[in-house]
């Protein structure tokens, strides 16, 4: 949500920032609605003053026996009462319209975010690891002999339709091990607090992180009104909704492993093979709630946490900063981490680490009380995948594949796999 006072003070800067997102100027419409709303409030206040003055004079007119003046003033009081009610209703309507208009406008990019139209204009800022040189043509995860028995897309389609998978045996265990490994690193080494929260949330919870009202079609809603979370960013960030925290308690750092659900609206025909793009998937999410002065450094910290997981798994990756045209609705700056997938011979996104400034905090009214006193201020919120578990599974399988169809596992996962070090060509752990 945007601060209407900031738009009033610097409308040109607001429109210039929207232009970087390829959006037309919106300050004229916003300010016109704001002016109309404030006009209704001012007229209601003036009418109230007139009613109060007339109310005081009614008794005096009655006392001196001026029946005509008494009736005139009584009629005026009644007229002003109706006028005030009408103006207050009109002000409420315009206030709701203004709120709806502001709620549908994306966050403004930071000045250091590169301009661009789409992912082709993203800027690489880091690369780690060297993609392995195969002496055979590497396969995609679903075609690896040892992996195929553990990925049952046909049964999943029978149960749920397309873009679902039933994982079994060694692959299911590896998937679980990856999530546990990520949680252990984030909680034991990176200082995050583990949370196990609901995956069904209310409208206002989805609104708080920006999924509603504009992107409802991207998520699933139950028949009784709950929403299935598209990411546990929704749950974790809204922990502070409506709260006023003490500055001394910042930052708050949370992590959660959860199921996530996305309708993938608008992605028909994209990544239909395998489990790269699913309606149901799992992520280990990171969320930080910070003082505004600390959010930039916190984003770098979160990025390092996510990159560190891939480095321990020995998965080559590259990090890019998203351009203005590829950035998400609620973000002011986003770094994407892309893991190397030899089966596709390319890097694919495995984590996005975003800072939202006070955009989400305004939507959910999340504030902090400055240590030195003064009025409560809005918090800054950040979120990042640490990592997407399914995509990490794909990266481990494809990078560890052998010519005979077996898969060598990263050494860091041995304790999570009961000491097993590979998946055999038959799909067993050994």
Protein backbone atom coordinates (compact mmCIF):
# COMPACT_ATOMS: atom_id res chain seq x y z
CA UNK A 1 0.00 0.00 0.00
CA UNK A 2 1.19 3.48 -0.82
CA UNK A 3 1.29 6.51 1.44
CA UNK A 4 -1.24 9.04 0.11
CA UNK A 5 0.64 11.87 1.81
CA UNK A 6 3.81 11.02 -0.13
CA UNK A 7 1.84 10.99 -3.38
CA UNK A 8 0.36 14.41 -2.55
CA UNK A 9 3.81 15.82 -1.83
CA UNK A 10 5.68 14.32 -4.82
CA UNK A 11 3.20 13.19 -7.49
CA UNK A 12 5.73 13.51 -10.31
CA UNK A 13 8.21 11.25 -8.52
CA UNK A 14 5.45 8.71 -7.91
CA UNK A 15 4.50 8.64 -11.60
CA UNK A 16 8.15 8.48 -12.65
CA UNK A 17 8.64 5.39 -10.48
CA UNK A 18 5.51 3.77 -11.97
CA UNK A 19 6.84 4.55 -15.46
CA UNK A 20 9.89 2.42 -14.66
CA UNK A 21 7.42 -0.44 -14.20
CA UNK A 22 5.89 0.34 -17.60
CA UNK A 23 2.74 1.84 -16.03
CA UNK A 24 0.90 5.01 -17.00
CA UNK A 25 0.75 7.99 -14.61
CA UNK A 26 -1.75 7.40 -11.81
CA UNK A 27 -1.30 10.39 -9.52
CA UNK A 28 -3.96 12.52 -11.30
CA UNK A 29 -6.69 9.92 -10.67
CA UNK A 30 -5.46 9.26 -7.14
CA UNK A 31 -5.28 12.93 -6.18
CA UNK A 32 -8.66 13.74 -7.74
CA UNK A 33 -10.29 10.99 -5.68
CA UNK A 34 -8.38 12.07 -2.58
CA UNK A 35 -9.44 15.69 -3.07
CA UNK A 36 -13.09 14.67 -3.49
CA UNK A 37 -12.90 12.54 -0.35
CA UNK A 38 -11.35 15.34 1.67
CA UNK A 39 -13.93 17.79 0.28
CA UNK A 40 -16.75 15.59 1.59
CA UNK A 41 -15.09 15.46 5.00
CA UNK A 42 -14.62 19.24 5.09
CA UNK A 43 -18.26 19.90 4.09
CA UNK A 44 -19.47 17.39 6.69
CA UNK A 45 -17.42 19.17 9.36
CA UNK A 46 -18.83 22.56 8.29
CA UNK A 47 -22.39 21.19 8.37
CA UNK A 48 -21.74 19.74 11.82
CA UNK A 49 -20.61 23.13 13.08
CA UNK A 50 -23.79 24.73 11.66
CA UNK A 51 -25.96 22.04 13.27
CA UNK A 52 -24.29 22.51 16.65
CA UNK A 53 -24.74 26.27 16.47
CA UNK A 54 -28.41 25.93 15.50
CA UNK A 55 -28.97 23.39 18.26
CA UNK A 56 -27.76 25.89 20.85
CA UNK A 57 -30.09 28.58 19.49
CA UNK A 58 -33.19 26.38 19.43
CA UNK A 59 -33.64 26.51 23.19
CA UNK A 60 -33.13 30.27 23.30
CA UNK A 61 -35.78 30.87 20.60
CA UNK A 62 -38.24 28.65 22.48
CA UNK A 63 -37.53 30.47 25.77
CA UNK A 64 -38.27 33.91 24.34
CA UNK A 65 -41.41 32.65 22.62
CA UNK A 66 -40.18 33.19 19.06
CA UNK A 67 -42.09 30.28 17.56
CA UNK A 68 -41.16 31.09 13.95
CA UNK A 69 -37.42 31.16 14.74
CA UNK A 70 -37.80 28.03 16.83
CA UNK A 71 -39.36 26.12 13.92
CA UNK A 72 -36.77 27.46 11.46
CA UNK A 73 -33.87 26.38 13.65
CA UNK A 74 -35.38 22.99 14.36
CA UNK A 75 -35.81 22.39 10.64
CA UNK A 76 -32.24 23.53 10.05
CA UNK A 77 -30.93 21.06 12.65
CA UNK A 78 -32.87 18.25 10.95
CA UNK A 79 -31.64 19.32 7.50
CA UNK A 80 -28.02 19.48 8.62
CA UNK A 81 -28.29 16.06 10.28
CA UNK A 82 -29.37 14.54 6.95
CA UNK A 83 -26.67 16.48 5.07
CA UNK A 84 -23.97 15.27 7.45
CA UNK A 85 -25.08 11.63 7.12
CA UNK A 86 -25.08 11.92 3.32
CA UNK A 87 -21.61 13.52 3.23
CA UNK A 88 -20.18 10.96 5.66
CA UNK A 89 -21.52 8.12 3.51
CA UNK A 90 -20.06 9.74 0.40
CA UNK A 91 -16.71 10.21 2.14
CA UNK A 92 -16.69 6.54 3.16
CA UNK A 93 -17.41 5.48 -0.43
CA UNK A 94 -14.62 7.65 -1.80
CA UNK A 95 -12.26 6.45 0.93
CA UNK A 96 -13.00 2.82 -0.01
CA UNK A 97 -12.51 3.64 -3.71
CA UNK A 98 -9.19 5.33 -2.95
CA UNK A 99 -8.06 2.38 -0.84
CA UNK A 100 -9.01 -0.05 -3.62
CA UNK A 101 -7.15 2.05 -6.19
CA UNK A 102 -4.00 2.24 -4.06
CA UNK A 103 -4.21 -1.48 -3.21
CA UNK A 104 -3.93 -2.42 -6.89
CA UNK A 105 -0.78 -0.38 -7.59
CA UNK A 106 2.55 -2.26 -7.33
CA UNK A 107 5.41 -1.21 -5.10
CA UNK A 108 7.89 1.37 -6.37
CA UNK A 109 11.35 0.10 -7.36
CA UNK A 110 14.44 1.33 -5.58
CA UNK A 111 16.68 3.65 -7.59
CA UNK A 112 19.40 0.97 -7.96
CA UNK A 113 17.04 -1.55 -9.61
CA UNK A 114 17.90 -1.86 -13.32
CA UNK A 115 15.29 -0.73 -15.84
CA UNK A 116 14.00 -3.35 -18.23
CA UNK A 117 10.99 -5.01 -19.81
CA UNK A 118 11.34 -8.67 -18.81
CA UNK A 119 13.71 -11.39 -17.59
CA UNK A 120 16.03 -10.79 -20.54
CA UNK A 121 16.96 -7.47 -18.92
CA UNK A 122 17.88 -8.92 -15.52
CA UNK A 123 21.48 -8.30 -14.49
CA UNK A 124 23.79 -11.05 -13.28
CA UNK A 125 25.75 -10.03 -10.18
CA UNK A 126 27.29 -13.29 -8.99
CA UNK A 127 28.14 -16.79 -10.19
CA UNK A 128 29.30 -19.70 -8.03
CA UNK A 129 30.61 -23.10 -9.02
CA UNK A 130 31.47 -24.58 -12.38
CA UNK A 131 28.88 -26.72 -14.15
CA UNK A 132 30.08 -30.30 -14.31
CA UNK A 133 31.47 -31.56 -17.61
CA UNK A 134 29.53 -34.73 -18.47
CA UNK A 135 31.00 -37.40 -20.73
CA UNK A 136 27.44 -38.33 -21.70
CA UNK A 137 24.34 -36.29 -22.52
CA UNK A 138 22.74 -35.42 -19.16
CA UNK A 139 19.04 -36.11 -18.82
CA UNK A 140 16.26 -34.14 -17.22
CA UNK A 141 15.27 -35.38 -13.76
CA UNK A 142 12.24 -37.39 -14.86
CA UNK A 143 14.24 -39.32 -17.49
CA UNK A 144 17.02 -40.50 -15.15
CA UNK A 145 16.70 -44.26 -14.72
CA UNK A 146 17.14 -44.30 -10.96
CA UNK A 147 14.72 -41.43 -10.49
CA UNK A 148 11.83 -42.57 -12.70
CA UNK A 149 10.50 -45.17 -10.20
CA UNK A 150 10.18 -42.43 -7.59
CA UNK A 151 8.22 -39.94 -9.71
CA UNK A 152 4.71 -41.15 -10.57
CA UNK A 153 2.96 -38.56 -12.69
CA UNK A 154 0.30 -40.95 -14.01
CA UNK A 155 -1.05 -41.82 -10.57
CA UNK A 156 -0.96 -38.14 -9.60
CA UNK A 157 -2.98 -37.28 -12.72
CA UNK A 158 -5.52 -39.96 -11.78
CA UNK A 159 -5.80 -38.51 -8.28
CA UNK A 160 -5.63 -34.78 -8.98
CA UNK A 161 -5.06 -33.95 -12.65
CA UNK A 162 -2.07 -32.39 -14.35
CA UNK A 163 0.85 -30.69 -12.59
CA UNK A 164 0.93 -32.99 -9.60
CA UNK A 165 3.33 -35.79 -8.71
CA UNK A 166 3.40 -38.77 -6.37
CA UNK A 167 6.94 -39.20 -4.99
CA UNK A 168 7.95 -42.58 -3.62
CA UNK A 169 10.88 -44.40 -2.12
CA UNK A 170 14.33 -42.90 -2.46
CA UNK A 171 13.11 -39.73 -4.18
CA UNK A 172 10.54 -39.05 -1.46
CA UNK A 173 13.19 -39.56 1.22
CA UNK A 174 15.60 -37.24 -0.57
CA UNK A 175 12.90 -34.57 -0.86
CA UNK A 176 12.23 -34.80 2.88
CA UNK A 177 15.96 -34.75 3.66
CA UNK A 178 16.46 -31.55 1.70
CA UNK A 179 13.75 -29.73 3.63
CA UNK A 180 15.13 -30.93 6.96
CA UNK A 181 18.66 -29.93 5.97
CA UNK A 182 17.51 -26.41 5.00
CA UNK A 183 15.60 -25.95 8.26
CA UNK A 184 18.56 -27.10 10.32
CA UNK A 185 20.92 -24.65 8.62
CA UNK A 186 18.52 -21.73 8.93
CA UNK A 187 17.65 -22.36 12.58
CA UNK A 188 20.97 -23.62 13.96
CA UNK A 189 23.36 -21.43 11.97
CA UNK A 190 21.45 -18.55 10.39
CA UNK A 191 19.51 -17.48 13.47
CA UNK A 192 15.97 -17.90 12.15
CA UNK A 193 13.08 -19.01 14.33
CA UNK A 194 11.22 -22.05 13.00
CA UNK A 195 7.46 -21.64 12.59
CA UNK A 196 4.83 -24.23 11.72
CA UNK A 197 1.79 -22.20 10.70
CA UNK A 198 -1.53 -22.72 8.92
CA UNK A 199 -1.76 -23.10 5.17
CA UNK A 200 -5.38 -21.86 5.17
CA UNK A 201 -5.73 -18.11 5.72
CA UNK A 202 -8.31 -15.31 5.66
CA UNK A 203 -8.84 -12.64 3.00
CA UNK A 204 -7.12 -9.96 5.08
CA UNK A 205 -4.04 -12.16 5.48
CA UNK A 206 -3.68 -12.53 1.71
CA UNK A 207 -4.32 -8.80 1.32
CA UNK A 208 -1.56 -7.98 3.78
CA UNK A 209 1.20 -9.50 1.64
CA UNK A 210 -0.29 -8.34 -1.67
CA UNK A 211 -1.92 -11.47 -3.09
CA UNK A 212 -5.33 -9.78 -2.92
CA UNK A 213 -7.20 -8.12 -4.45
CA UNK A 214 -5.30 -8.18 -7.73
CA UNK A 215 -3.97 -11.74 -7.90
CA UNK A 216 -6.78 -13.88 -6.55
CA UNK A 217 -6.81 -16.01 -9.70
CA UNK A 218 -3.26 -17.14 -8.94
CA UNK A 219 -4.35 -18.88 -5.72
CA UNK A 220 -6.94 -21.40 -4.59
CA UNK A 221 -9.91 -20.53 -2.37
CA UNK A 222 -12.00 -23.03 -0.44
CA UNK A 223 -15.80 -23.03 -0.58
CA UNK A 224 -15.99 -21.47 2.89
CA UNK A 225 -13.67 -18.58 2.05
CA UNK A 226 -10.22 -19.63 3.22
CA UNK A 227 -7.26 -19.30 0.86
CA UNK A 228 -4.55 -21.91 0.38
CA UNK A 229 -1.24 -20.09 0.79
CA UNK A 230 0.93 -19.69 -2.34
CA UNK A 231 3.95 -19.41 -0.02
CA UNK A 232 4.46 -19.30 3.74
CA UNK A 233 5.60 -15.69 3.26
CA UNK A 234 1.89 -15.00 3.69
CA UNK A 235 1.70 -16.68 7.10
CA UNK A 236 5.07 -15.58 8.43
CA UNK A 237 4.80 -11.91 7.48
CA UNK A 238 1.29 -11.59 8.87
CA UNK A 239 2.48 -12.71 12.31
CA UNK A 240 3.08 -9.00 12.97
CA UNK A 241 -0.14 -7.74 11.32
CA UNK A 242 -1.83 -5.12 13.48
CA UNK A 243 1.03 -5.18 16.00
CA UNK A 244 3.26 -2.43 17.39
CA UNK A 245 6.65 -3.96 18.20
CA UNK A 246 9.38 -2.49 20.35
CA UNK A 247 12.42 -1.42 18.35
CA UNK A 248 14.58 -3.47 20.72
CA UNK A 249 12.83 -6.63 19.52
CA UNK A 250 13.90 -6.11 15.89
CA UNK A 251 14.74 -7.84 13.68
CA UNK A 252 12.29 -10.75 13.72
CA UNK A 253 13.55 -13.62 11.57
CA UNK A 254 11.30 -16.56 10.73
CA UNK A 255 11.54 -19.72 8.65
CA UNK A 256 8.98 -22.35 7.78
CA UNK A 257 8.72 -25.50 5.70
CA UNK A 258 5.25 -25.67 4.20
CA UNK A 259 3.07 -26.89 1.42
CA UNK A 260 2.37 -24.16 -1.14
CA UNK A 261 -0.41 -23.96 -3.72
CA UNK A 262 -0.55 -21.98 -6.94
CA UNK A 263 -3.04 -22.16 -9.77
CA UNK A 264 -0.31 -21.20 -12.28
CA UNK A 265 -2.85 -18.98 -14.04
CA UNK A 266 -1.43 -17.73 -17.31
CA UNK A 267 1.34 -20.36 -17.46
CA UNK A 268 -0.38 -22.81 -19.81
CA UNK A 269 2.17 -24.76 -21.82
CA UNK A 270 5.15 -23.72 -19.69
CA UNK A 271 7.32 -26.38 -18.03
CA UNK A 272 4.66 -29.06 -18.31
CA UNK A 273 7.17 -31.93 -18.24
CA UNK A 274 8.43 -33.15 -14.90
CA UNK A 275 7.94 -31.38 -11.58
CA UNK A 276 9.42 -27.96 -12.29
CA UNK A 277 6.08 -26.12 -12.21
CA UNK A 278 3.44 -27.73 -9.99
CA UNK A 279 0.13 -26.71 -8.46
CA UNK A 280 1.26 -28.13 -5.11
CA UNK A 281 4.86 -27.90 -3.96
CA UNK A 282 6.99 -27.30 -0.88
CA UNK A 283 9.29 -24.49 0.13
CA UNK A 284 11.43 -23.51 3.05
CA UNK A 285 10.68 -19.82 3.36
CA UNK A 286 12.54 -17.02 5.13
CA UNK A 287 10.88 -13.81 6.37
CA UNK A 288 12.50 -10.88 8.16
CA UNK A 289 10.76 -8.00 9.92
CA UNK A 290 13.19 -5.10 10.37
CA UNK A 291 13.81 -1.48 11.22
CA UNK A 292 13.70 0.59 7.98
CA UNK A 293 17.38 1.52 8.35
CA UNK A 294 18.38 -2.16 8.44
CA UNK A 295 16.39 -3.62 5.56
CA UNK A 296 19.03 -3.27 2.83
CA UNK A 297 21.65 -5.11 4.87
CA UNK A 298 19.05 -7.68 5.88
CA UNK A 299 18.33 -8.45 2.23
CA UNK A 300 22.02 -9.14 1.64
CA UNK A 301 22.06 -11.38 4.69
CA UNK A 302 19.03 -13.36 3.50
CA UNK A 303 20.55 -13.71 0.05
CA UNK A 304 23.71 -15.17 1.58
CA UNK A 305 21.60 -17.62 3.62
CA UNK A 306 19.89 -18.91 0.48
CA UNK A 307 23.10 -19.05 -1.57
CA UNK A 308 24.81 -20.93 1.26
CA UNK A 309 22.34 -23.82 0.98
CA UNK A 310 23.25 -24.35 -2.68
CA UNK A 311 26.96 -24.08 -1.97
CA UNK A 312 26.76 -26.81 0.68
CA UNK A 313 24.87 -28.98 -1.80
CA UNK A 314 27.58 -28.21 -4.41
CA UNK A 315 25.03 -26.95 -6.93
CA UNK A 316 26.40 -24.31 -9.32
CA UNK A 317 24.23 -21.18 -9.42
CA UNK A 318 24.09 -17.62 -10.55
CA UNK A 319 22.46 -14.62 -8.86
CA UNK A 320 20.66 -11.89 -10.79
CA UNK A 321 18.97 -8.65 -9.75
CA UNK A 322 15.57 -8.42 -11.38
CA UNK A 323 14.81 -5.48 -13.64
CA UNK A 324 11.76 -3.28 -13.10
CA UNK A 325 9.71 -5.22 -15.65
CA UNK A 326 10.29 -8.62 -14.07
CA UNK A 327 9.91 -7.70 -10.41
CA UNK A 328 6.99 -8.94 -8.32
CA UNK A 329 4.03 -6.80 -7.26
CA UNK A 330 5.13 -6.16 -3.67
CA UNK A 331 8.90 -5.88 -4.13
CA UNK A 332 11.15 -2.85 -4.22
CA UNK A 333 14.22 -4.93 -5.09
CA UNK A 334 14.52 -8.67 -5.84
CA UNK A 335 17.47 -10.99 -6.25
CA UNK A 336 16.83 -14.32 -7.99
CA UNK A 337 19.11 -17.29 -7.45
CA UNK A 338 19.16 -19.67 -10.41
CA UNK A 339 20.49 -23.21 -10.02
CA UNK A 340 22.26 -24.99 -12.84
CA UNK A 341 20.13 -27.77 -14.36
CA UNK A 342 22.30 -29.81 -16.73
CA UNK A 343 19.27 -31.66 -18.15
CA UNK A 344 18.00 -28.34 -19.52
CA UNK A 345 21.50 -26.94 -20.05
CA UNK A 346 20.49 -23.73 -18.32
CA UNK A 347 20.04 -21.94 -15.00
CA UNK A 348 16.54 -21.95 -13.48
CA UNK A 349 15.15 -19.93 -10.61
CA UNK A 350 15.29 -21.67 -7.23
CA UNK A 351 14.93 -18.66 -4.91
CA UNK A 352 13.75 -15.06 -4.92
CA UNK A 353 14.86 -12.76 -2.12
CA UNK A 354 12.85 -9.53 -2.00
CA UNK A 355 12.68 -6.42 0.13
CA UNK A 356 9.26 -4.78 0.24
CA UNK A 357 10.08 -1.66 2.26
CA UNK A 358 6.99 -0.57 4.19
CA UNK A 359 4.61 -1.65 1.38
CA UNK A 360 3.29 -4.78 3.12
CA UNK A 361 3.50 -3.22 6.59
CA UNK A 362 1.11 -0.45 5.53
CA UNK A 363 -1.34 -3.00 4.16
CA UNK A 364 -1.31 -4.95 7.44
CA UNK A 365 -0.73 -1.98 9.77
CA UNK A 366 2.47 -3.43 11.26
CA UNK A 367 4.55 -0.87 13.15
CA UNK A 368 7.28 -0.46 15.73
CA UNK A 369 7.78 1.94 18.61
CA UNK A 370 11.09 3.88 18.26
CA UNK A 371 13.47 3.38 21.16
CA UNK A 372 13.89 7.13 21.58
CA UNK A 373 10.17 7.75 21.74
CA UNK A 374 7.86 9.32 19.21
CA UNK A 375 5.01 8.03 17.06
CA UNK A 376 5.02 4.39 15.91
CA UNK A 377 6.55 3.89 12.45
CA UNK A 378 5.91 1.27 9.79
CA UNK A 379 8.19 -1.76 9.74
CA UNK A 380 10.04 -3.10 6.72
CA UNK A 381 9.38 -6.66 5.55
CA UNK A 382 11.53 -9.03 3.49
CA UNK A 383 11.00 -12.54 2.18
CA UNK A 384 13.00 -15.18 0.36
CA UNK A 385 12.97 -18.85 -0.55
CA UNK A 386 15.52 -20.79 1.35
CA UNK A 387 14.94 -22.84 -0.89
CA UNK A 388 12.17 -24.20 -3.12
CA UNK A 389 12.41 -27.86 -2.10
CA UNK A 390 11.14 -29.46 -5.30
CA UNK A 391 13.40 -27.42 -7.55
CA UNK A 392 16.33 -28.12 -5.25
CA UNK A 393 15.52 -31.83 -5.57
CA UNK A 394 15.64 -31.47 -9.37
CA UNK A 395 19.03 -29.74 -9.16
CA UNK A 396 20.49 -32.43 -6.88
CA UNK A 397 19.22 -35.25 -9.11
CA UNK A 398 20.36 -33.74 -12.39
CA UNK A 399 23.77 -32.60 -11.17
CA UNK A 400 24.44 -35.92 -9.45
CA UNK A 401 23.32 -38.22 -12.27
CA UNK A 402 25.68 -40.86 -13.62
CA UNK A 403 25.80 -42.52 -17.02
CA UNK A 404 24.34 -45.78 -15.66
CA UNK A 405 21.24 -43.97 -14.37
CA UNK A 406 22.32 -43.78 -10.73
CA UNK A 407 22.57 -40.53 -8.76
CA UNK A 408 25.37 -39.56 -6.40
CA UNK A 409 24.08 -37.55 -3.44
CA UNK A 410 25.77 -34.48 -1.92
CA UNK A 411 27.91 -35.44 1.06
CA UNK A 412 26.15 -32.96 3.32
CA UNK A 413 22.95 -35.01 2.99
CA UNK A 414 24.44 -38.35 4.07
CA UNK A 415 23.32 -37.94 7.73
CA UNK A 416 19.79 -37.14 6.56
CA UNK A 417 19.71 -40.20 4.30
CA UNK A 418 20.65 -42.76 6.94
CA UNK A 419 24.24 -42.84 5.68
CA UNK A 420 23.19 -43.71 2.11
CA UNK A 421 25.26 -42.02 -0.57
CA UNK A 422 23.48 -42.71 -3.85
CA UNK A 423 20.35 -43.77 -5.66
CA UNK A 424 20.94 -46.90 -7.72
CA UNK A 425 19.86 -47.29 -11.37
CA UNK A 426 16.94 -49.34 -10.00
CA UNK A 427 15.78 -46.48 -7.79
CA UNK A 428 17.00 -47.82 -4.44
CA UNK A 429 19.15 -46.13 -1.82
CA UNK A 430 22.64 -47.55 -1.37
